[in-house]
PDB file of N, CA and C in Angstrom:
ATOM      1  N   MET A   1       0.842  -1.153  -0.008  1.00  0.00           N
ATOM      2  CA  MET A   1       0.068   0.057  -0.049  1.00  0.00           C
ATOM      3  C   MET A   1       0.845   1.197   0.021  1.00  0.00           C
ATOM      4  N   LYS A   2       1.934   1.166   0.733  1.00  0.00           N
ATOM      5  CA  LYS A   2       2.799   2.373   0.784  1.00  0.00           C
ATOM      6  C   LYS A   2       3.410   2.533  -0.551  1.00  0.00           C
ATOM      7  N   LYS A   3       3.781   1.481  -1.192  1.00  0.00           N
ATOM      8  CA  LYS A   3       4.556   1.660  -2.595  1.00  0.00           C
ATOM      9  C   LYS A   3       3.508   2.399  -3.575  1.00  0.00           C
ATOM     10  N   ALA A   4       2.140   1.896  -3.452  1.00  0.00           N
ATOM     11  CA  ALA A   4       1.262   2.564  -4.322  1.00  0.00           C
ATOM     12  C   ALA A   4       1.036   4.136  -4.101  1.00  0.00           C
ATOM     13  N   ILE A   5       1.013   4.390  -2.764  1.00  0.00           N
ATOM     14  CA  ILE A   5       0.768   5.762  -2.369  1.00  0.00           C
ATOM     15  C   ILE A   5       2.072   6.645  -2.913  1.00  0.00           C
ATOM     16  N   LEU A   6       3.203   6.000  -2.682  1.00  0.00           N
ATOM     17  CA  LEU A   6       4.497   6.721  -3.170  1.00  0.00           C
ATOM     18  C   LEU A   6       4.340   6.875  -4.716  1.00  0.00           C
ATOM     19  N   ARG A   7       4.010   5.945  -5.430  1.00  0.00           N
ATOM     20  CA  ARG A   7       3.898   6.073  -6.910  1.00  0.00           C
ATOM     21  C   ARG A   7       2.846   7.065  -7.323  1.00  0.00           C
ATOM     22  N   ILE A   8       1.825   7.083  -6.629  1.00  0.00           N
ATOM     23  CA  ILE A   8       0.768   8.110  -7.049  1.00  0.00           C
ATOM     24  C   ILE A   8       1.253   9.407  -6.674  1.00  0.00           C
ATOM     25  N   SER A   9       1.866   9.602  -5.478  1.00  0.00           N
ATOM     26  CA  SER A   9       2.367  10.917  -4.976  1.00  0.00           C
ATOM     27  C   SER A   9       3.467  11.507  -6.032  1.00  0.00           C
ATOM     28  N   LEU A  10       4.390  10.458  -6.428  1.00  0.00           N
ATOM     29  CA  LEU A  10       5.351  10.930  -7.344  1.00  0.00           C
ATOM     30  C   LEU A  10       4.878  11.250  -8.640  1.00  0.00           C
ATOM     31  N   PHE A  11       3.875  10.560  -9.208  1.00  0.00           N
ATOM     32  CA  PHE A  11       3.216  10.826 -10.457  1.00  0.00           C
ATOM     33  C   PHE A  11       2.601  12.194 -10.334  1.00  0.00           C
ATOM     34  N   GLY A  12       1.827  12.465  -9.304  1.00  0.00           N
ATOM     35  CA  GLY A  12       1.155  13.796  -9.046  1.00  0.00           C
ATOM     36  C   GLY A  12       2.150  14.994  -8.980  1.00  0.00           C
ATOM     37  N   PHE A  13       3.308  14.791  -8.326  1.00  0.00           N
ATOM     38  CA  PHE A  13       4.264  15.723  -8.272  1.00  0.00           C
ATOM     39  C   PHE A  13       4.900  16.127  -9.655  1.00  0.00           C
ATOM     40  N   LEU A  14       5.278  15.108 -10.364  1.00  0.00           N
ATOM     41  CA  LEU A  14       5.717  15.260 -11.803  1.00  0.00           C
ATOM     42  C   LEU A  14       4.746  15.934 -12.701  1.00  0.00           C
ATOM     43  N   LEU A  15       3.620  15.579 -12.509  1.00  0.00           N
ATOM     44  CA  LEU A  15       2.477  16.107 -13.422  1.00  0.00           C
ATOM     45  C   LEU A  15       2.354  17.658 -13.014  1.00  0.00           C
ATOM     46  N   ALA A  16       2.400  17.971 -11.704  1.00  0.00           N
ATOM     47  CA  ALA A  16       2.373  19.343 -11.312  1.00  0.00           C
ATOM     48  C   ALA A  16       3.451  20.213 -11.612  1.00  0.00           C
ATOM     49  N   ALA A  17       4.621  19.574 -11.635  1.00  0.00           N
ATOM     50  CA  ALA A  17       5.976  20.331 -11.872  1.00  0.00           C
ATOM     51  C   ALA A  17       6.234  20.515 -13.361  1.00  0.00           C
ATOM     52  N   ALA A  18       5.443  19.701 -14.261  1.00  0.00           N
ATOM     53  CA  ALA A  18       5.796  19.800 -15.712  1.00  0.00           C
ATOM     54  C   ALA A  18       5.402  21.117 -16.229  1.00  0.00           C
ATOM     55  N   PRO A  19       6.182  21.601 -17.168  1.00  0.00           N
ATOM     56  CA  PRO A  19       5.719  22.955 -17.842  1.00  0.00           C
ATOM     57  C   PRO A  19       4.517  22.794 -18.703  1.00  0.00           C
ATOM     58  N   ALA A  20       3.950  23.880 -18.896  1.00  0.00           N
ATOM     59  CA  ALA A  20       2.590  23.728 -19.839  1.00  0.00           C
ATOM     60  C   ALA A  20       3.045  23.377 -21.106  1.00  0.00           C
ATOM     61  N   ALA A  21       2.479  22.376 -21.751  1.00  0.00           N
ATOM     62  CA  ALA A  21       2.799  21.938 -23.121  1.00  0.00           C
ATOM     63  C   ALA A  21       1.700  22.413 -24.094  1.00  0.00           C
ATOM     64  N   GLN A  22       2.145  22.576 -25.231  1.00  0.00           N
ATOM     65  CA  GLN A  22       1.317  22.980 -26.380  1.00  0.00           C
ATOM     66  C   GLN A  22       0.694  21.563 -26.981  1.00  0.00           C
ATOM     67  N   ALA A  23      -0.574  21.398 -26.912  1.00  0.00           N
ATOM     68  CA  ALA A  23      -1.176  20.210 -27.263  1.00  0.00           C
ATOM     69  C   ALA A  23      -1.994  20.349 -28.483  1.00  0.00           C
ATOM     70  N   GLN A  24      -1.420  20.905 -29.481  1.00  0.00           N
ATOM     71  CA  GLN A  24      -2.087  21.202 -30.728  1.00  0.00           C
ATOM     72  C   GLN A  24      -1.373  20.729 -31.985  1.00  0.00           C
ATOM     73  N   CYS A  25      -2.137  20.433 -33.017  1.00  0.00           N
ATOM     74  CA  CYS A  25      -1.411  20.088 -34.257  1.00  0.00           C
ATOM     75  C   CYS A  25      -0.848  21.412 -34.791  1.00  0.00           C
ATOM     76  N   SER A  26      -0.069  21.326 -36.008  1.00  0.00           N
ATOM     77  CA  SER A  26       0.431  22.459 -36.499  1.00  0.00           C
ATOM     78  C   SER A  26      -0.603  23.380 -37.161  1.00  0.00           C
ATOM     79  N   VAL A  27      -1.688  22.893 -37.717  1.00  0.00           N
ATOM     80  CA  VAL A  27      -2.739  23.648 -38.235  1.00  0.00           C
ATOM     81  C   VAL A  27      -3.471  24.453 -37.206  1.00  0.00           C
ATOM     82  N   CYS A  28      -3.700  23.862 -36.128  1.00  0.00           N
ATOM     83  CA  CYS A  28      -4.435  24.441 -34.919  1.00  0.00           C
ATOM     84  C   CYS A  28      -3.479  25.524 -34.379  1.00  0.00           C
ATOM     85  N   SER A  29      -2.137  25.315 -34.292  1.00  0.00           N
ATOM     86  CA  SER A  29      -1.227  26.227 -33.717  1.00  0.00           C
ATOM     87  C   SER A  29      -1.182  27.536 -34.546  1.00  0.00           C
ATOM     88  N   ARG A  30      -1.111  27.391 -35.995  1.00  0.00           N
ATOM     89  CA  ARG A  30      -1.014  28.521 -36.842  1.00  0.00           C
ATOM     90  C   ARG A  30      -2.471  29.367 -36.668  1.00  0.00           C
ATOM     91  N   THR A  31      -3.485  28.647 -36.606  1.00  0.00           N
ATOM     92  CA  THR A  31      -4.850  29.289 -36.493  1.00  0.00           C
ATOM     93  C   THR A  31      -4.832  30.077 -35.180  1.00  0.00           C
ATOM     94  N   THR A  32      -4.358  29.531 -33.996  1.00  0.00           N
ATOM     95  CA  THR A  32      -4.554  30.156 -32.781  1.00  0.00           C
ATOM     96  C   THR A  32      -3.567  31.381 -32.621  1.00  0.00           C
ATOM     97  N   GLU A  33      -2.338  31.203 -33.306  1.00  0.00           N
ATOM     98  CA  GLU A  33      -1.387  32.380 -33.302  1.00  0.00           C
ATOM     99  C   GLU A  33      -2.072  33.532 -33.994  1.00  0.00           C
ATOM    100  N   GLN A  34      -2.933  33.352 -34.930  1.00  0.00           N
ATOM    101  CA  GLN A  34      -3.573  34.489 -35.554  1.00  0.00           C
ATOM    102  C   GLN A  34      -4.658  35.065 -34.810  1.00  0.00           C
ATOM    103  N   MET A  35      -5.230  34.259 -33.987  1.00  0.00           N
ATOM    104  CA  MET A  35      -6.338  34.701 -33.232  1.00  0.00           C
ATOM    105  C   MET A  35      -6.097  35.545 -31.957  1.00  0.00           C
ATOM    106  N   GLY A  36      -4.841  35.271 -31.475  1.00  0.00           N
ATOM    107  CA  GLY A  36      -4.403  35.918 -30.192  1.00  0.00           C
ATOM    108  C   GLY A  36      -4.187  34.952 -29.020  1.00  0.00           C
ATOM    109  N   GLU A  37      -3.791  35.506 -27.945  1.00  0.00           N
ATOM    110  CA  GLU A  37      -3.404  34.656 -26.848  1.00  0.00           C
ATOM    111  C   GLU A  37      -4.552  33.911 -26.072  1.00  0.00           C
ATOM    112  N   LYS A  38      -5.520  34.761 -25.816  1.00  0.00           N
ATOM    113  CA  LYS A  38      -6.766  34.120 -25.023  1.00  0.00           C
ATOM    114  C   LYS A  38      -7.447  33.082 -25.733  1.00  0.00           C
ATOM    115  N   PRO A  39      -7.820  33.132 -27.003  1.00  0.00           N
ATOM    116  CA  PRO A  39      -8.544  31.972 -27.728  1.00  0.00           C
ATOM    117  C   PRO A  39      -7.495  30.927 -27.830  1.00  0.00           C
ATOM    118  N   ALA A  40      -6.208  31.115 -27.990  1.00  0.00           N
ATOM    119  CA  ALA A  40      -5.202  30.043 -28.104  1.00  0.00           C
ATOM    120  C   ALA A  40      -5.312  29.185 -26.835  1.00  0.00           C
ATOM    121  N   LYS A  41      -5.229  29.832 -25.579  1.00  0.00           N
ATOM    122  CA  LYS A  41      -5.352  29.090 -24.372  1.00  0.00           C
ATOM    123  C   LYS A  41      -6.515  28.288 -24.214  1.00  0.00           C
ATOM    124  N   GLY A  42      -7.706  28.867 -24.716  1.00  0.00           N
ATOM    125  CA  GLY A  42      -8.997  28.250 -24.687  1.00  0.00           C
ATOM    126  C   GLY A  42      -8.998  26.860 -25.552  1.00  0.00           C
ATOM    127  N   ILE A  43      -8.465  27.063 -26.832  1.00  0.00           N
ATOM    128  CA  ILE A  43      -8.351  25.833 -27.673  1.00  0.00           C
ATOM    129  C   ILE A  43      -7.408  24.844 -27.054  1.00  0.00           C
ATOM    130  N   ASN A  44      -6.298  25.275 -26.474  1.00  0.00           N
ATOM    131  CA  ASN A  44      -5.311  24.342 -25.906  1.00  0.00           C
ATOM    132  C   ASN A  44      -5.907  23.587 -24.752  1.00  0.00           C
ATOM    133  N   ASN A  45      -6.739  24.285 -23.850  1.00  0.00           N
ATOM    134  CA  ASN A  45      -7.435  23.602 -22.752  1.00  0.00           C
ATOM    135  C   ASN A  45      -8.547  22.626 -23.293  1.00  0.00           C
ATOM    136  N   GLY A  46      -9.162  23.121 -24.358  1.00  0.00           N
ATOM    137  CA  GLY A  46     -10.156  22.146 -25.026  1.00  0.00           C
ATOM    138  C   GLY A  46      -9.600  20.900 -25.352  1.00  0.00           C
ATOM    139  N   VAL A  47      -8.403  20.946 -26.137  1.00  0.00           N
ATOM    140  CA  VAL A  47      -7.681  19.743 -26.520  1.00  0.00           C
ATOM    141  C   VAL A  47      -7.431  18.887 -25.445  1.00  0.00           C
ATOM    142  N   ILE A  48      -6.737  19.420 -24.476  1.00  0.00           N
ATOM    143  CA  ILE A  48      -6.471  18.622 -23.187  1.00  0.00           C
ATOM    144  C   ILE A  48      -7.704  18.080 -22.573  1.00  0.00           C
ATOM    145  N   TYR A  49      -8.771  18.721 -22.482  1.00  0.00           N
ATOM    146  CA  TYR A  49     -10.017  18.303 -21.884  1.00  0.00           C
ATOM    147  C   TYR A  49     -10.618  17.003 -22.839  1.00  0.00           C
ATOM    148  N   LEU A  50     -10.547  17.252 -24.075  1.00  0.00           N
ATOM    149  CA  LEU A  50     -11.021  16.216 -24.963  1.00  0.00           C
ATOM    150  C   LEU A  50     -10.148  14.908 -24.852  1.00  0.00           C
ATOM    151  N   MET A  51      -8.795  14.913 -24.592  1.00  0.00           N
ATOM    152  CA  MET A  51      -7.999  13.814 -24.421  1.00  0.00           C
ATOM    153  C   MET A  51      -8.128  13.107 -23.033  1.00  0.00           C
ATOM    154  N   ALA A  52      -8.627  13.838 -22.056  1.00  0.00           N
ATOM    155  CA  ALA A  52      -8.719  13.173 -20.805  1.00  0.00           C
ATOM    156  C   ALA A  52      -9.724  12.017 -20.634  1.00  0.00           C
ATOM    157  N   MET A  53     -10.821  11.981 -21.374  1.00  0.00           N
ATOM    158  CA  MET A  53     -11.734  10.827 -21.218  1.00  0.00           C
ATOM    159  C   MET A  53     -11.071   9.595 -21.893  1.00  0.00           C
ATOM    160  N   PRO A  54     -10.619   9.643 -23.066  1.00  0.00           N
ATOM    161  CA  PRO A  54     -10.062   8.427 -23.674  1.00  0.00           C
ATOM    162  C   PRO A  54      -8.844   7.816 -22.865  1.00  0.00           C
ATOM    163  N   LEU A  55      -8.036   8.771 -22.416  1.00  0.00           N
ATOM    164  CA  LEU A  55      -6.759   8.314 -21.619  1.00  0.00           C
ATOM    165  C   LEU A  55      -7.306   7.682 -20.303  1.00  0.00           C
ATOM    166  N   THR A  56      -8.386   8.219 -19.661  1.00  0.00           N
ATOM    167  CA  THR A  56      -8.885   7.686 -18.459  1.00  0.00           C
ATOM    168  C   THR A  56      -9.497   6.289 -18.792  1.00  0.00           C
ATOM    169  N   ILE A  57     -10.197   6.070 -19.832  1.00  0.00           N
ATOM    170  CA  ILE A  57     -10.686   4.787 -20.060  1.00  0.00           C
ATOM    171  C   ILE A  57      -9.556   3.806 -20.319  1.00  0.00           C
ATOM    172  N   ILE A  58      -8.700   4.155 -21.169  1.00  0.00           N
ATOM    173  CA  ILE A  58      -7.508   3.313 -21.338  1.00  0.00           C
ATOM    174  C   ILE A  58      -6.857   2.920 -20.074  1.00  0.00           C
ATOM    175  N   GLY A  59      -6.630   3.893 -19.246  1.00  0.00           N
ATOM    176  CA  GLY A  59      -6.036   3.627 -17.939  1.00  0.00           C
ATOM    177  C   GLY A  59      -6.789   2.622 -17.087  1.00  0.00           C
ATOM    178  N   ILE A  60      -8.039   2.787 -17.082  1.00  0.00           N
ATOM    179  CA  ILE A  60      -8.949   1.940 -16.217  1.00  0.00           C
ATOM    180  C   ILE A  60      -8.905   0.475 -16.851  1.00  0.00           C
ATOM    181  N   ILE A  61      -8.919   0.426 -18.151  1.00  0.00           N
ATOM    182  CA  ILE A  61      -8.865  -1.021 -18.744  1.00  0.00           C
ATOM    183  C   ILE A  61      -7.574  -1.646 -18.457  1.00  0.00           C
ATOM    184  N   GLY A  62      -6.512  -0.891 -18.498  1.00  0.00           N
ATOM    185  CA  GLY A  62      -5.166  -1.398 -18.302  1.00  0.00           C
ATOM    186  C   GLY A  62      -4.961  -1.795 -16.816  1.00  0.00           C
ATOM    187  N   TYR A  63      -5.519  -1.009 -15.995  1.00  0.00           N
ATOM    188  CA  TYR A  63      -5.506  -1.309 -14.524  1.00  0.00           C
ATOM    189  C   TYR A  63      -6.111  -2.625 -14.212  1.00  0.00           C
ATOM    190  N   ARG A  64      -7.378  -2.775 -14.687  1.00  0.00           N
ATOM    191  CA  ARG A  64      -8.361  -3.859 -14.480  1.00  0.00           C
ATOM    192  C   ARG A  64      -7.574  -5.208 -15.091  1.00  0.00           C
ATOM    193  N   TRP A  65      -7.027  -5.014 -16.237  1.00  0.00           N
ATOM    194  CA  TRP A  65      -6.255  -6.105 -16.945  1.00  0.00           C
ATOM    195  C   TRP A  65      -5.175  -6.573 -16.108  1.00  0.00           C
ATOM    196  N   TRP A  66      -4.286  -5.640 -15.624  1.00  0.00           N
ATOM    197  CA  TRP A  66      -3.209  -6.018 -14.831  1.00  0.00           C
ATOM    198  C   TRP A  66      -3.589  -6.573 -13.479  1.00  0.00           C
ATOM    199  N   GLN A  67      -4.590  -5.955 -12.808  1.00  0.00           N
ATOM    200  CA  GLN A  67      -5.190  -6.548 -11.547  1.00  0.00           C
ATOM    201  C   GLN A  67      -5.710  -7.961 -11.713  1.00  0.00           C
ATOM    202  N   ARG A  68      -6.489  -8.193 -12.765  1.00  0.00           N
ATOM    203  CA  ARG A  68      -6.898  -9.729 -13.013  1.00  0.00           C
ATOM    204  C   ARG A  68      -5.788 -10.574 -13.159  1.00  0.00           C
ATOM    205  N   ASN A  69      -4.811 -10.215 -14.052  1.00  0.00           N
ATOM    206  CA  ASN A  69      -3.588 -10.979 -14.314  1.00  0.00           C
ATOM    207  C   ASN A  69      -2.819 -11.227 -13.079  1.00  0.00           C
ATOM    208  N   ARG A  70      -2.693 -10.257 -12.187  1.00  0.00           N
ATOM    209  CA  ARG A  70      -2.013 -10.520 -10.924  1.00  0.00           C
ATOM    210  C   ARG A  70      -2.728 -11.495  -9.962  1.00  0.00           C
ATOM    211  N   GLU A  71      -4.095 -11.404  -9.962  1.00  0.00           N
ATOM    212  CA  GLU A  71      -4.893 -12.294  -9.111  1.00  0.00           C
ATOM    213  C   GLU A  71      -4.802 -13.733  -9.694  1.00  0.00           C
ATOM    214  N   ASP A  72      -4.769 -13.857 -11.080  1.00  0.00           N
ATOM    215  CA  ASP A  72      -4.719 -15.144 -11.592  1.00  0.00           C
ATOM    216  C   ASP A  72      -3.354 -15.802 -11.198  1.00  0.00           C
ATOM    217  N   ILE A  73      -2.246 -15.046 -11.340  1.00  0.00           N
ATOM    218  CA  ILE A  73      -0.874 -15.595 -10.953  1.00  0.00           C
ATOM    219  C   ILE A  73      -0.919 -15.949  -9.469  1.00  0.00           C
ATOM    220  N   ALA A  74      -1.446 -15.104  -8.615  1.00  0.00           N
ATOM    221  CA  ALA A  74      -1.404 -15.368  -7.193  1.00  0.00           C
ATOM    222  C   ALA A  74      -2.225 -16.619  -6.767  1.00  0.00           C
ATOM    223  N   GLY A  75      -3.313 -16.865  -7.653  1.00  0.00           N
ATOM    224  CA  GLY A  75      -4.166 -17.949  -7.376  1.00  0.00           C
ATOM    225  C   GLY A  75      -3.696 -19.270  -7.962  1.00  0.00           C
ATOM    226  N   GLY A  76      -2.560 -19.142  -8.662  1.00  0.00           N
ATOM    227  CA  GLY A  76      -2.160 -20.407  -9.363  1.00  0.00           C
ATOM    228  C   GLY A  76      -2.472 -20.468 -10.679  1.00  0.00           C
ATOM    229  N   GLY A  77      -3.292 -19.625 -11.385  1.00  0.00           N
ATOM    230  CA  GLY A  77      -3.827 -19.822 -12.697  1.00  0.00           C
ATOM    231  C   GLY A  77      -2.760 -19.744 -13.728  1.00  0.00           C
ATOM    232  N   GLY A  78      -1.655 -19.112 -13.485  1.00  0.00           N
ATOM    233  CA  GLY A  78      -0.522 -18.896 -14.408  1.00  0.00           C
ATOM    234  C   GLY A  78      -0.635 -17.751 -15.240  1.00  0.00           C
ATOM    235  N   GLY A  79      -1.479 -16.758 -14.948  1.00  0.00           N
ATOM    236  CA  GLY A  79      -1.540 -15.412 -15.582  1.00  0.00           C
ATOM    237  C   GLY A  79      -2.464 -15.582 -16.957  1.00  0.00           C
ATOM    238  N   TYR A  80      -2.031 -14.739 -17.818  1.00  0.00           N
ATOM    239  CA  TYR A  80      -2.805 -14.656 -19.067  1.00  0.00           C
ATOM    240  C   TYR A  80      -2.593 -15.954 -19.904  1.00  0.00           C
ATOM    241  N   GLN A  81      -3.663 -16.448 -20.270  1.00  0.00           N
ATOM    242  CA  GLN A  81      -3.571 -17.696 -21.203  1.00  0.00           C
ATOM    243  C   GLN A  81      -4.456 -17.464 -22.337  1.00  0.00           C
ATOM    244  N   SER A  82      -4.012 -17.836 -23.646  1.00  0.00           N
ATOM    245  CA  SER A  82      -4.669 -17.567 -24.862  1.00  0.00           C
ATOM    246  C   SER A  82      -5.368 -18.901 -25.272  1.00  0.00           C
TER     247      SER A  82
END
């Protein structure tokens, strides 16, 4: 449990310490440069917001898969079997 809390804390710290990244394609970047700074920040935040849900879903699926695989190994099932 302590290991999990440490990992989550480290991830949160690294996420908070990371500089703001531009999350736009080249076409969107050029368009937002012409619009000004405030609309550019809005579009950038929108791109990040739209990416949050798919990444969350992928993370949940990956975690559940890992958790089930770990339980199978602990139970003597041998892990993933095709």
